[in-house]
Amino acid sequence: MDQLSPHHVPVYETHEQRRRLWEHCAERDQPVVAIRNGQRGYIVRYDLQHLGTELGAGGLDLLRERARDWRPYPTAGTGGTVGADPLSEAEGIGGEAGPVSGSLHTGSEDDARLLASRLSAVVFDDSHWQ
């Protein structure tokens, strides 16, 4: 699998749904890329722990870059949005993005699906793993 299309990204709400999804991915030797429907929004989750691997430095940089490019940071006086917050990596990407797993926050399911699809191309590419 190269990348998930936005409408194929799984969404879960309960602990039991999460557990089944992780087990399903582990059985297929695939990373998890999914959306958690939380109380305060949607969270794009990725996880490679069950594969015993992680994203290498280049893959992690690419994943963070894609998250920042997708979520431009508003800057004063520009009349629009430009770049990411230079002082806050977590704010710039919208959450935590580590080599083994990450949780990136979005305001809507549609946004979460687009972001998850975008990030899945990096997470599923085993040339980015170490």
C-alpha atoms as a PDB file:
ATOM      1  CA  MET A   1       0.000   0.000   0.000  1.00  0.00           C
ATOM      2  CA  ASP A   2       1.456   3.336  -1.035  1.00  0.00           C
ATOM      3  CA  GLN A   3      -1.013   5.775   0.495  1.00  0.00           C
ATOM      4  CA  LEU A   4      -4.534   5.837   1.906  1.00  0.00           C
ATOM      5  CA  SER A   5      -7.101   7.860   0.025  1.00  0.00           C
ATOM      6  CA  PRO A   6      -8.953  10.261   2.328  1.00  0.00           C
ATOM      7  CA  HIS A   7     -12.190   8.265   2.268  1.00  0.00           C
ATOM      8  CA  HIS A   8     -10.353   5.025   3.190  1.00  0.00           C
ATOM      9  CA  VAL A   9      -8.793   6.323   6.404  1.00  0.00           C
ATOM     10  CA  PRO A  10     -10.411   4.430   9.309  1.00  0.00           C
ATOM     11  CA  VAL A  11     -12.101   6.398  12.092  1.00  0.00           C
ATOM     12  CA  TYR A  12     -12.516   5.035  15.619  1.00  0.00           C
ATOM     13  CA  GLU A  13     -14.159   6.305  18.790  1.00  0.00           C
ATOM     14  CA  THR A  14     -13.836   3.633  21.463  1.00  0.00           C
ATOM     15  CA  HIS A  15     -10.942   1.806  23.066  1.00  0.00           C
ATOM     16  CA  GLU A  16     -12.309  -1.467  21.675  1.00  0.00           C
ATOM     17  CA  GLN A  17     -12.420  -0.083  18.105  1.00  0.00           C
ATOM     18  CA  ARG A  18      -8.863   1.162  18.532  1.00  0.00           C
ATOM     19  CA  ARG A  19      -7.672  -2.219  19.786  1.00  0.00           C
ATOM     20  CA  ARG A  20      -9.271  -4.068  16.852  1.00  0.00           C
ATOM     21  CA  LEU A  21      -7.776  -1.643  14.340  1.00  0.00           C
ATOM     22  CA  TRP A  22      -4.257  -2.011  15.791  1.00  0.00           C
ATOM     23  CA  GLU A  23      -4.616  -5.803  15.817  1.00  0.00           C
ATOM     24  CA  HIS A  24      -5.805  -5.792  12.201  1.00  0.00           C
ATOM     25  CA  CYS A  25      -2.804  -3.721  11.109  1.00  0.00           C
ATOM     26  CA  ALA A  26      -0.403  -5.912  13.122  1.00  0.00           C
ATOM     27  CA  GLU A  27      -1.791  -9.049  11.449  1.00  0.00           C
ATOM     28  CA  ARG A  28      -1.117  -7.463   8.047  1.00  0.00           C
ATOM     29  CA  ASP A  29       2.330  -6.118   9.040  1.00  0.00           C
ATOM     30  CA  GLN A  30       1.149  -2.579   8.250  1.00  0.00           C
ATOM     31  CA  PRO A  31       1.604   0.666  10.129  1.00  0.00           C
ATOM     32  CA  VAL A  32      -1.512   2.213  11.628  1.00  0.00           C
ATOM     33  CA  VAL A  33      -2.825   5.434  10.137  1.00  0.00           C
ATOM     34  CA  ALA A  34      -6.243   6.288  11.542  1.00  0.00           C
ATOM     35  CA  ILE A  35      -8.418   9.047  12.935  1.00  0.00           C
ATOM     36  CA  ARG A  36      -9.669   9.199  16.496  1.00  0.00           C
ATOM     37  CA  ASN A  37     -12.976  10.966  16.885  1.00  0.00           C
ATOM     38  CA  GLY A  38     -12.325  12.753  20.152  1.00  0.00           C
ATOM     39  CA  GLN A  39     -14.453  14.989  22.349  1.00  0.00           C
ATOM     40  CA  ARG A  40     -12.708  18.161  21.176  1.00  0.00           C
ATOM     41  CA  GLY A  41     -11.977  17.317  17.553  1.00  0.00           C
ATOM     42  CA  TYR A  42     -10.351  14.747  15.330  1.00  0.00           C
ATOM     43  CA  ILE A  43      -6.876  13.353  15.869  1.00  0.00           C
ATOM     44  CA  VAL A  44      -4.794  11.797  13.113  1.00  0.00           C
ATOM     45  CA  ARG A  45      -2.848   8.913  14.649  1.00  0.00           C
ATOM     46  CA  TYR A  46       0.009   6.931  13.167  1.00  0.00           C
ATOM     47  CA  ASP A  47       1.895   4.096  14.839  1.00  0.00           C
ATOM     48  CA  LEU A  48       4.752   1.783  13.855  1.00  0.00           C
ATOM     49  CA  GLN A  49       5.469   0.285  17.292  1.00  0.00           C
ATOM     50  CA  HIS A  50       3.790  -3.062  16.589  1.00  0.00           C
ATOM     51  CA  LEU A  51       6.172  -3.473  13.614  1.00  0.00           C
ATOM     52  CA  GLY A  52       9.274  -3.012  15.761  1.00  0.00           C
ATOM     53  CA  THR A  53      10.452  -0.129  13.611  1.00  0.00           C
ATOM     54  CA  GLU A  54      10.371   3.647  13.473  1.00  0.00           C
ATOM     55  CA  LEU A  55      10.744   6.473  11.014  1.00  0.00           C
ATOM     56  CA  GLY A  56      14.336   7.426  10.329  1.00  0.00           C
ATOM     57  CA  ALA A  57      15.429  11.053  10.640  1.00  0.00           C
ATOM     58  CA  GLY A  58      14.705  11.800   6.969  1.00  0.00           C
ATOM     59  CA  GLY A  59      11.252  10.210   7.106  1.00  0.00           C
ATOM     60  CA  LEU A  60      10.369  12.028  10.308  1.00  0.00           C
ATOM     61  CA  ASP A  61      11.525  15.345   8.838  1.00  0.00           C
ATOM     62  CA  LEU A  62       9.409  14.713   5.734  1.00  0.00           C
ATOM     63  CA  LEU A  63       6.356  13.795   7.811  1.00  0.00           C
ATOM     64  CA  ARG A  64       6.681  16.958   9.910  1.00  0.00           C
ATOM     65  CA  GLU A  65       7.243  19.055   6.797  1.00  0.00           C
ATOM     66  CA  ARG A  66       4.072  17.664   5.205  1.00  0.00           C
ATOM     67  CA  ALA A  67       2.094  18.408   8.373  1.00  0.00           C
ATOM     68  CA  ARG A  68       3.447  21.978   8.535  1.00  0.00           C
ATOM     69  CA  ASP A  69       2.832  22.585   4.822  1.00  0.00           C
ATOM     70  CA  TRP A  70      -0.730  21.367   5.212  1.00  0.00           C
ATOM     71  CA  ARG A  71      -1.340  23.559   8.284  1.00  0.00           C
ATOM     72  CA  PRO A  72       0.097  27.011   7.593  1.00  0.00           C
ATOM     73  CA  TYR A  73       0.677  29.150  10.647  1.00  0.00           C
ATOM     74  CA  PRO A  74      -1.029  32.573  10.720  1.00  0.00           C
ATOM     75  CA  THR A  75       1.369  35.475  10.926  1.00  0.00           C
ATOM     76  CA  ALA A  76       0.486  39.067  11.752  1.00  0.00           C
ATOM     77  CA  GLY A  77       0.423  41.646   8.995  1.00  0.00           C
ATOM     78  CA  THR A  78       0.656  39.250   6.055  1.00  0.00           C
ATOM     79  CA  GLY A  79      -3.038  39.253   5.192  1.00  0.00           C
ATOM     80  CA  GLY A  80      -2.981  35.474   5.145  1.00  0.00           C
ATOM     81  CA  THR A  81      -1.140  32.491   6.498  1.00  0.00           C
ATOM     82  CA  VAL A  82       2.500  31.713   5.957  1.00  0.00           C
ATOM     83  CA  GLY A  83       4.720  28.884   7.180  1.00  0.00           C
ATOM     84  CA  ALA A  84       4.818  27.309  10.618  1.00  0.00           C
ATOM     85  CA  ASP A  85       5.422  28.805  14.018  1.00  0.00           C
ATOM     86  CA  PRO A  86       9.223  28.967  14.241  1.00  0.00           C
ATOM     87  CA  LEU A  87       9.168  28.694  18.031  1.00  0.00           C
ATOM     88  CA  SER A  88       6.794  25.789  18.533  1.00  0.00           C
ATOM     89  CA  GLU A  89       7.189  22.564  16.555  1.00  0.00           C
ATOM     90  CA  ALA A  90       4.185  21.052  18.377  1.00  0.00           C
ATOM     91  CA  GLU A  91       1.996  24.043  17.523  1.00  0.00           C
ATOM     92  CA  GLY A  92       3.331  24.215  13.987  1.00  0.00           C
ATOM     93  CA  ILE A  93       2.420  20.616  13.205  1.00  0.00           C
ATOM     94  CA  GLY A  94      -0.634  20.519  15.452  1.00  0.00           C
ATOM     95  CA  GLY A  95       0.424  17.913  17.992  1.00  0.00           C
ATOM     96  CA  GLU A  96       3.074  15.265  18.560  1.00  0.00           C
ATOM     97  CA  ALA A  97       4.976  13.666  15.677  1.00  0.00           C
ATOM     98  CA  GLY A  98       7.605  11.201  16.821  1.00  0.00           C
ATOM     99  CA  PRO A  99       9.568   8.467  15.072  1.00  0.00           C
ATOM    100  CA  VAL A 100       7.375   5.626  16.421  1.00  0.00           C
ATOM    101  CA  SER A 101       3.954   7.282  16.689  1.00  0.00           C
ATOM    102  CA  GLY A 102       2.168  10.587  16.531  1.00  0.00           C
ATOM    103  CA  SER A 103      -1.108  12.394  17.183  1.00  0.00           C
ATOM    104  CA  LEU A 104      -1.959  15.459  15.095  1.00  0.00           C
ATOM    105  CA  HIS A 105      -5.091  17.470  15.871  1.00  0.00           C
ATOM    106  CA  THR A 106      -7.610  18.794  13.357  1.00  0.00           C
ATOM    107  CA  GLY A 107     -10.933  20.564  13.677  1.00  0.00           C
ATOM    108  CA  SER A 108     -13.021  18.442  11.329  1.00  0.00           C
ATOM    109  CA  GLU A 109     -13.240  14.910  10.016  1.00  0.00           C
ATOM    110  CA  ASP A 110     -12.656  16.129   6.452  1.00  0.00           C
ATOM    111  CA  ASP A 111      -9.441  17.894   7.497  1.00  0.00           C
ATOM    112  CA  ALA A 112      -8.328  14.803   9.417  1.00  0.00           C
ATOM    113  CA  ARG A 113      -8.918  12.599   6.383  1.00  0.00           C
ATOM    114  CA  LEU A 114      -6.876  14.892   4.137  1.00  0.00           C
ATOM    115  CA  LEU A 115      -4.009  15.116   6.623  1.00  0.00           C
ATOM    116  CA  ALA A 116      -4.012  11.365   7.315  1.00  0.00           C
ATOM    117  CA  SER A 117      -3.897  10.626   3.594  1.00  0.00           C
ATOM    118  CA  ARG A 118      -1.004  13.034   3.144  1.00  0.00           C
ATOM    119  CA  LEU A 119       0.976  11.531   6.032  1.00  0.00           C
ATOM    120  CA  SER A 120       0.219   7.920   5.120  1.00  0.00           C
ATOM    121  CA  ALA A 121       2.454   8.234   2.049  1.00  0.00           C
ATOM    122  CA  VAL A 122       5.427   8.788   4.377  1.00  0.00           C
ATOM    123  CA  VAL A 123       4.406   6.285   7.062  1.00  0.00           C
ATOM    124  CA  PHE A 124       3.732   3.434   4.596  1.00  0.00           C
ATOM    125  CA  ASP A 125       6.990   3.932   2.684  1.00  0.00           C
ATOM    126  CA  ASP A 126       9.373   1.465   4.343  1.00  0.00           C
ATOM    127  CA  SER A 127      12.366   3.257   2.810  1.00  0.00           C
ATOM    128  CA  HIS A 128      11.713   5.860   5.553  1.00  0.00           C
ATOM    129  CA  TRP A 129      11.931   3.230   8.317  1.00  0.00           C
ATOM    130  CA  GLN A 130      14.943   2.221  10.374  1.00  0.00           C
END
